Amino acid sequence: MKIAIFGTRGIPNHYGGFEQFAQYLSEGMCQMGHEVFVYNSHNHPYQKKKWNEVNIIHCYDPEFKLGTIGQFIYDLNCTLDSRKRNFDIILQLGYTSSSVWNWLFKPTSKLFTNMDGLEWKRTKFSRPVSLFLKYAEKLAVKHSDVLISDSLGIQAYLQKKYAVKSTYIPYGAIVFKSPNEVILNEFKLSPFKYDILIARIEPENNVKTIIDAFVKSNVKRKLVVIGNMNTKLGKKIQSTIDDSRLIFLGYVTDMYKLNNLRYYSNIYFHGHTVGGTNPSLLEAMASNALICSHKNIFNSSILNEDAIYFTNQEQLINTIEFCHKSDYQNLCSNNIDKIEKTFYWKKIISDYEQLLTGF
């Protein structure tokens, strides 16, 4: 099959979850004998036309000049380029800035769309933007031949909202098997003497709720916060909260360092509320982290009983003050088992291959 993947900034991954997914999936599909093309921004750090066996197509992306509107132009450029090629399948990752152009695809190409999360619920968006994202979601449902949900919660939502079926295929992760506490020296940390929060610094991820609870607690541990603090919320947190226990590391891209930071943490906080299966949650599970998660269907459908849950600040404070990783090794071990038996890349890639080629 001749397969195109677009909706990301490109591979190899230099940005986020969908890029990581596109990297693993494209390489895996090539190994199965398919011809795979991935669309990259023209200014992606990787400029060659091939990555391993994957074909790379660079399209002009003016996001660096125009901001968000540039994403729409980039997606339009990718869509128009696809009309020159005879793709059997187009796999669209997300819909926020691309579904408005879905009507331009050649009818001979089957469109599969991974519906991502409930983007319109993100609190950073104004009401007009939220309304547009609801419209973009509706367009993706209308124009796609097959819908894919990476979360059981998203699958249920699509069935209830649009009365449509979608195929559930989550993300994958790789079990972290080479911890090295020497890595912690770079950050002046000691094993299990700190908790950690990794997230986009936005309200829907409960970042401030978690930090406020930690500040109110009586523990001597540190709280390591990893994420871009240049958001509106990030700047507010740094300007209004003064606590020597807080360590803001910004955006850390080195996966080996991140895995070690997760592995040696006492508690890993996951406060996401509006996404599908968040890749960072699976990576935390794969890193043997003790997870304290916001209780909602997106998180609980992955973690089941193998996490400490919170819905309010009081529960968070109680967890911070009384929970120690050494007392919950069974939860960590159970989550490792989930990665090895359910959320591993070989299975995820195989599930996609069966879906894409079986339609």
Protein backbone atom coordinates (compact mmCIF):
# COMPACT_ATOMS: atom_id res chain seq x y z
CA MET A 1 0.00 0.00 0.00
CA LYS A 2 1.07 3.58 -0.63
CA ILE A 3 0.39 5.42 2.63
CA ALA A 4 0.69 9.11 3.58
CA ILE A 5 0.84 10.37 7.16
CA PHE A 6 0.18 14.01 7.86
CA GLY A 7 -1.01 16.32 10.62
CA THR A 8 2.37 16.53 12.35
CA ARG A 9 5.43 18.76 12.13
CA GLY A 10 7.35 15.75 10.91
CA ILE A 11 9.84 13.05 11.76
CA PRO A 12 12.17 12.19 13.37
CA ASN A 13 10.37 13.57 16.42
CA HIS A 14 11.46 16.99 17.62
CA TYR A 15 8.15 18.13 19.05
CA GLY A 16 5.51 15.93 20.67
CA GLY A 17 3.21 12.92 20.89
CA PHE A 18 1.85 12.72 17.34
CA GLU A 19 5.35 13.17 15.92
CA GLN A 20 6.61 10.32 18.11
CA PHE A 21 3.70 8.19 16.96
CA ALA A 22 4.30 9.02 13.28
CA GLN A 23 7.96 8.07 13.67
CA TYR A 24 7.26 4.62 15.13
CA LEU A 25 4.31 3.86 12.85
CA SER A 26 5.92 4.93 9.59
CA GLU A 27 9.08 2.92 10.26
CA GLY A 28 7.06 -0.12 11.33
CA MET A 29 4.81 0.02 8.26
CA CYS A 30 7.85 0.24 6.00
CA GLN A 31 9.28 -2.86 7.64
CA MET A 32 6.01 -4.61 6.75
CA GLY A 33 6.60 -3.81 3.09
CA HIS A 34 4.45 -0.69 2.61
CA GLU A 35 5.54 2.51 0.89
CA VAL A 36 5.13 5.25 3.49
CA PHE A 37 5.37 9.04 3.10
CA VAL A 38 5.41 11.46 6.04
CA TYR A 39 4.80 15.18 5.57
CA ASN A 40 7.33 17.44 7.32
CA SER A 41 7.46 21.19 7.84
CA HIS A 42 9.93 22.78 5.41
CA ASN A 43 12.02 24.01 8.35
CA HIS A 44 12.15 20.71 10.20
CA PRO A 45 15.68 20.01 11.52
CA TYR A 46 15.82 16.85 9.38
CA GLN A 47 16.11 17.89 5.75
CA LYS A 48 16.77 14.64 3.88
CA LYS A 49 14.18 13.00 1.62
CA LYS A 50 14.45 9.64 3.39
CA TRP A 51 14.52 8.70 7.06
CA ASN A 52 15.42 5.04 7.36
CA GLU A 53 13.00 3.60 4.76
CA VAL A 54 10.37 6.35 5.17
CA ASN A 55 9.87 8.93 2.40
CA ILE A 56 9.86 12.53 3.65
CA ILE A 57 7.89 15.28 1.87
CA HIS A 58 8.73 18.81 3.00
CA CYS A 59 5.98 21.42 2.61
CA TYR A 60 6.13 25.12 3.34
CA ASP A 61 5.00 25.88 6.90
CA PRO A 62 4.66 29.59 7.82
CA GLU A 63 3.75 28.93 11.47
CA PHE A 64 7.07 30.49 12.54
CA LYS A 65 5.95 33.74 10.87
CA LEU A 66 2.18 33.74 11.27
CA GLY A 67 1.53 31.67 14.39
CA THR A 68 -1.56 29.46 14.48
CA ILE A 69 -2.88 30.58 11.08
CA GLY A 70 0.32 29.22 9.61
CA GLN A 71 -0.73 25.70 10.63
CA PHE A 72 -3.77 25.97 8.33
CA ILE A 73 -1.58 27.04 5.43
CA TYR A 74 0.86 24.18 6.10
CA ASP A 75 -1.98 21.65 6.16
CA LEU A 76 -3.38 23.13 2.94
CA ASN A 77 0.02 22.80 1.29
CA CYS A 78 0.25 19.16 2.38
CA THR A 79 -3.27 18.47 1.12
CA LEU A 80 -2.60 20.05 -2.28
CA ASP A 81 0.66 18.11 -2.60
CA SER A 82 -1.20 14.86 -1.90
CA ARG A 83 -3.33 15.45 -5.01
CA LYS A 84 -0.20 15.01 -7.15
CA ARG A 85 0.40 11.54 -5.76
CA ASN A 86 -1.63 8.36 -5.92
CA PHE A 87 -1.89 7.50 -2.24
CA ASP A 88 -4.03 4.49 -1.39
CA ILE A 89 -4.43 5.74 2.17
CA ILE A 90 -4.06 9.06 3.95
CA LEU A 91 -3.72 8.83 7.73
CA GLN A 92 -4.62 12.16 9.29
CA LEU A 93 -3.38 12.69 12.85
CA GLY A 94 -5.74 15.12 14.53
CA TYR A 95 -8.13 17.52 12.81
CA THR A 96 -7.77 20.98 14.35
CA SER A 97 -6.23 22.77 11.36
CA SER A 98 -6.56 20.13 8.65
CA SER A 99 -10.17 18.94 8.43
CA VAL A 100 -11.28 22.18 6.73
CA TRP A 101 -9.29 20.98 3.70
CA ASN A 102 -10.46 17.35 3.74
CA TRP A 103 -12.83 17.95 0.84
CA LEU A 104 -9.78 18.56 -1.37
CA PHE A 105 -8.39 15.02 -1.10
CA LYS A 106 -8.59 12.86 -4.18
CA PRO A 107 -11.60 10.54 -3.86
CA THR A 108 -9.38 7.57 -4.76
CA SER A 109 -7.51 7.96 -1.45
CA LYS A 110 -9.17 6.53 1.65
CA LEU A 111 -9.02 8.95 4.60
CA PHE A 112 -8.37 7.55 8.07
CA THR A 113 -8.44 10.08 10.93
CA ASN A 114 -7.08 9.70 14.45
CA MET A 115 -9.49 11.97 16.32
CA ASP A 116 -7.06 12.91 19.11
CA GLY A 117 -8.73 14.46 22.21
CA LEU A 118 -11.54 16.92 22.89
CA GLU A 119 -9.56 19.91 21.66
CA TRP A 120 -12.49 22.32 21.95
CA LYS A 121 -12.58 21.79 25.73
CA ARG A 122 -9.11 23.21 26.29
CA THR A 123 -9.48 26.27 28.51
CA LYS A 124 -6.73 28.22 26.71
CA PHE A 125 -9.05 28.67 23.72
CA SER A 126 -11.51 31.54 23.46
CA ARG A 127 -15.18 30.80 22.80
CA PRO A 128 -14.92 31.56 19.04
CA VAL A 129 -11.92 29.21 18.74
CA SER A 130 -13.73 26.50 20.72
CA LEU A 131 -16.73 26.80 18.41
CA PHE A 132 -14.46 26.50 15.39
CA LEU A 133 -12.80 23.38 16.84
CA LYS A 134 -16.22 21.79 17.33
CA TYR A 135 -16.90 22.55 13.66
CA ALA A 136 -13.52 21.10 12.64
CA GLU A 137 -14.32 17.96 14.63
CA LYS A 138 -17.63 17.65 12.80
CA LEU A 139 -15.88 18.04 9.42
CA ALA A 140 -13.40 15.28 10.29
CA VAL A 141 -16.26 12.95 11.15
CA LYS A 142 -18.08 13.87 7.94
CA HIS A 143 -15.20 13.47 5.49
CA SER A 144 -13.27 10.54 6.98
CA ASP A 145 -13.80 7.02 5.68
CA VAL A 146 -12.59 5.54 8.98
CA LEU A 147 -12.28 7.11 12.43
CA ILE A 148 -9.69 6.01 14.97
CA SER A 149 -9.92 6.65 18.72
CA ASP A 150 -6.80 6.44 20.87
CA SER A 151 -8.95 6.34 24.01
CA LEU A 152 -12.05 4.42 25.06
CA GLY A 153 -13.39 7.76 26.31
CA ILE A 154 -13.06 9.31 22.85
CA GLN A 155 -14.64 6.23 21.27
CA ALA A 156 -17.65 6.55 23.59
CA TYR A 157 -17.88 10.31 22.91
CA LEU A 158 -17.95 9.86 19.13
CA GLN A 159 -20.62 7.19 19.40
CA LYS A 160 -22.79 9.37 21.64
CA LYS A 161 -22.21 12.69 19.85
CA TYR A 162 -22.29 11.59 16.21
CA ALA A 163 -23.66 8.03 16.34
CA VAL A 164 -20.57 6.80 14.51
CA LYS A 165 -18.29 3.88 15.17
CA SER A 166 -14.55 4.30 15.56
CA THR A 167 -11.74 1.79 15.95
CA TYR A 168 -9.90 1.91 19.26
CA ILE A 169 -6.11 1.78 18.93
CA PRO A 170 -4.08 3.46 21.69
CA TYR A 171 -0.53 4.75 21.64
CA GLY A 172 2.47 2.62 22.53
CA ALA A 173 5.52 2.89 24.75
CA ILE A 174 8.79 1.10 25.43
CA VAL A 175 9.59 -0.26 28.90
CA PHE A 176 12.54 1.63 30.38
CA LYS A 177 15.16 -0.91 31.44
CA SER A 178 18.38 1.05 31.93
CA PRO A 179 18.03 3.44 34.89
CA ASN A 180 21.12 5.36 35.94
CA GLU A 181 20.82 7.58 39.01
CA VAL A 182 23.99 9.44 38.01
CA ILE A 183 21.75 11.33 35.56
CA LEU A 184 20.11 13.00 38.58
CA ASN A 185 23.34 14.78 39.47
CA GLU A 186 22.78 17.17 36.56
CA PHE A 187 19.58 18.32 38.24
CA LYS A 188 20.91 18.19 41.83
CA LEU A 189 18.32 15.56 42.75
CA SER A 190 18.43 12.40 44.86
CA PRO A 191 16.47 9.21 44.15
CA PHE A 192 12.88 9.31 45.47
CA LYS A 193 13.46 12.66 47.20
CA TYR A 194 11.32 14.51 44.70
CA ASP A 195 7.95 14.33 42.97
CA ILE A 196 7.50 15.19 39.30
CA LEU A 197 4.96 16.83 37.00
CA ILE A 198 5.36 16.69 33.20
CA ALA A 199 2.74 18.51 31.15
CA ARG A 200 1.87 21.39 28.90
CA ILE A 201 1.46 24.27 31.33
CA GLU A 202 -2.25 24.81 30.70
CA PRO A 203 -5.26 24.90 33.08
CA GLU A 204 -6.89 21.70 31.80
CA ASN A 205 -3.83 19.75 32.99
CA ASN A 206 -4.38 20.76 36.63
CA VAL A 207 -0.86 22.18 36.81
CA LYS A 208 -1.66 24.97 39.25
CA THR A 209 -3.88 22.70 41.36
CA ILE A 210 -1.02 20.24 41.78
CA ILE A 211 1.57 22.94 42.50
CA ASP A 212 -0.71 24.70 45.00
CA ALA A 213 -1.30 21.41 46.83
CA PHE A 214 2.44 20.74 46.97
CA VAL A 215 3.14 24.21 48.35
CA LYS A 216 0.54 23.69 51.07
CA SER A 217 2.00 20.31 52.05
CA ASN A 218 4.58 19.81 54.80
CA VAL A 219 6.99 17.56 52.90
CA LYS A 220 10.66 18.34 52.46
CA ARG A 221 10.81 16.75 49.01
CA LYS A 222 11.20 18.78 45.84
CA LEU A 223 8.62 19.10 43.06
CA VAL A 224 10.16 19.00 39.59
CA VAL A 225 7.99 20.67 36.95
CA ILE A 226 8.80 19.93 33.29
CA GLY A 227 7.04 21.96 30.63
CA ASN A 228 7.27 25.26 28.77
CA MET A 229 6.70 27.93 31.42
CA ASN A 230 6.30 30.71 28.85
CA THR A 231 2.55 30.15 28.65
CA LYS A 232 0.16 32.59 30.31
CA LEU A 233 -0.38 30.15 33.19
CA GLY A 234 3.33 29.36 33.47
CA LYS A 235 4.27 33.01 33.82
CA LYS A 236 1.55 33.51 36.43
CA ILE A 237 2.75 30.54 38.48
CA GLN A 238 6.36 31.71 38.49
CA SER A 239 5.44 35.29 39.37
CA THR A 240 3.03 34.45 42.22
CA ILE A 241 4.42 31.29 43.85
CA ASP A 242 7.71 31.39 45.75
CA ASP A 243 8.76 28.07 47.23
CA SER A 244 12.33 26.75 47.28
CA ARG A 245 11.02 23.20 46.87
CA LEU A 246 9.83 23.94 43.35
CA ILE A 247 12.23 23.23 40.47
CA PHE A 248 11.17 24.42 37.01
CA LEU A 249 13.20 22.65 34.34
CA GLY A 250 11.37 23.99 31.30
CA TYR A 251 11.01 21.76 28.24
CA VAL A 252 13.27 18.68 28.42
CA THR A 253 13.61 16.78 25.14
CA ASP A 254 16.18 14.10 26.02
CA MET A 255 14.10 10.92 26.45
CA TYR A 256 16.78 9.09 28.43
CA LYS A 257 16.95 11.93 30.96
CA LEU A 258 13.15 12.08 31.15
CA ASN A 259 12.89 8.34 31.74
CA ASN A 260 15.40 8.53 34.57
CA LEU A 261 13.63 11.50 36.13
CA ARG A 262 10.37 9.56 36.04
CA TYR A 263 11.94 6.32 37.28
CA TYR A 264 13.57 7.89 40.35
CA SER A 265 10.64 10.13 41.30
CA ASN A 266 8.56 9.41 44.39
CA ILE A 267 5.23 10.44 42.79
CA TYR A 268 4.48 11.22 39.15
CA PHE A 269 1.51 13.60 38.74
CA HIS A 270 -0.77 13.30 35.73
CA GLY A 271 -3.48 15.95 35.75
CA HIS A 272 -4.69 15.80 32.15
CA THR A 273 -8.47 16.02 31.71
CA VAL A 274 -9.41 16.54 28.03
CA GLY A 275 -7.13 14.36 25.92
CA GLY A 276 -7.28 10.86 24.64
CA THR A 277 -4.48 8.52 25.62
CA ASN A 278 -1.69 10.92 26.54
CA PRO A 279 1.73 9.60 25.42
CA SER A 280 3.43 10.97 28.54
CA LEU A 281 1.15 8.81 30.71
CA LEU A 282 2.23 5.64 28.92
CA GLU A 283 5.86 6.74 29.17
CA ALA A 284 5.42 7.22 32.93
CA MET A 285 3.92 3.74 33.23
CA ALA A 286 6.82 2.35 31.19
CA SER A 287 9.29 4.12 33.49
CA ASN A 288 8.02 2.33 36.60
CA ALA A 289 6.60 5.56 38.04
CA LEU A 290 4.07 5.71 40.87
CA ILE A 291 1.26 7.66 39.23
CA CYS A 292 -1.12 10.07 40.93
CA SER A 293 -3.73 10.83 38.28
CA HIS A 294 -6.77 13.04 37.90
CA LYS A 295 -9.77 10.71 37.91
CA ASN A 296 -11.54 10.77 34.56
CA ILE A 297 -12.42 8.21 31.90
CA PHE A 298 -9.40 9.06 29.72
CA ASN A 299 -6.93 8.24 32.48
CA SER A 300 -8.79 5.53 34.39
CA SER A 301 -9.44 3.47 31.24
CA ILE A 302 -5.66 3.13 30.90
CA LEU A 303 -4.59 2.93 34.54
CA ASN A 304 -7.57 1.01 35.96
CA GLU A 305 -6.85 0.37 39.65
CA ASP A 306 -3.11 0.90 39.33
CA ALA A 307 -2.87 4.56 40.28
CA ILE A 308 -3.64 6.93 43.12
CA TYR A 309 -6.47 9.20 41.98
CA PHE A 310 -7.44 12.75 42.87
CA THR A 311 -10.34 15.04 42.12
CA ASN A 312 -9.55 17.91 44.51
CA GLN A 313 -6.72 19.65 46.32
CA GLU A 314 -7.35 17.96 49.66
CA GLN A 315 -6.80 14.53 48.11
CA LEU A 316 -3.61 15.78 46.50
CA ILE A 317 -2.20 17.10 49.77
CA ASN A 318 -2.98 13.81 51.48
CA THR A 319 -1.21 11.87 48.71
CA ILE A 320 1.83 14.16 48.80
CA GLU A 321 2.21 13.87 52.56
CA PHE A 322 1.56 10.17 53.06
CA CYS A 323 2.39 8.29 49.86
CA HIS A 324 5.81 6.79 49.27
CA LYS A 325 6.72 4.84 46.16
CA SER A 326 8.20 1.95 48.15
CA ASP A 327 4.73 1.16 49.51
CA TYR A 328 3.12 0.92 46.04
CA GLN A 329 5.49 -1.22 43.99
CA ASN A 330 2.59 -3.47 43.00
CA LEU A 331 0.92 -0.59 41.14
CA CYS A 332 4.14 0.17 39.28
CA SER A 333 4.65 -3.48 38.36
CA ASN A 334 1.07 -3.80 37.10
CA ASN A 335 1.54 -0.79 34.84
CA ILE A 336 4.75 -2.26 33.42
CA ASP A 337 2.75 -5.41 32.62
CA LYS A 338 0.19 -3.29 30.75
CA ILE A 339 2.91 -1.79 28.57
CA GLU A 340 4.41 -5.19 27.81
CA LYS A 341 1.07 -6.87 27.04
CA THR A 342 -1.14 -4.10 25.62
CA PHE A 343 0.53 -0.75 24.98
CA TYR A 344 3.65 -1.84 23.12
CA TRP A 345 4.62 -0.52 19.72
CA LYS A 346 4.77 -3.82 17.86
CA LYS A 347 1.11 -4.50 18.72
CA ILE A 348 0.02 -0.91 17.99
CA ILE A 349 1.73 -0.95 14.58
CA SER A 350 0.22 -4.35 13.78
CA ASP A 351 -3.27 -3.10 14.72
CA TYR A 352 -2.87 -0.09 12.43
CA GLU A 353 -1.56 -2.24 9.59
CA GLN A 354 -4.59 -4.54 9.84
CA LEU A 355 -6.99 -1.59 9.93
CA LEU A 356 -5.42 0.37 7.08
CA THR A 357 -5.01 -2.57 4.73
CA GLY A 358 -8.25 -4.34 5.64
CA PHE A 359 -10.65 -1.54 4.70
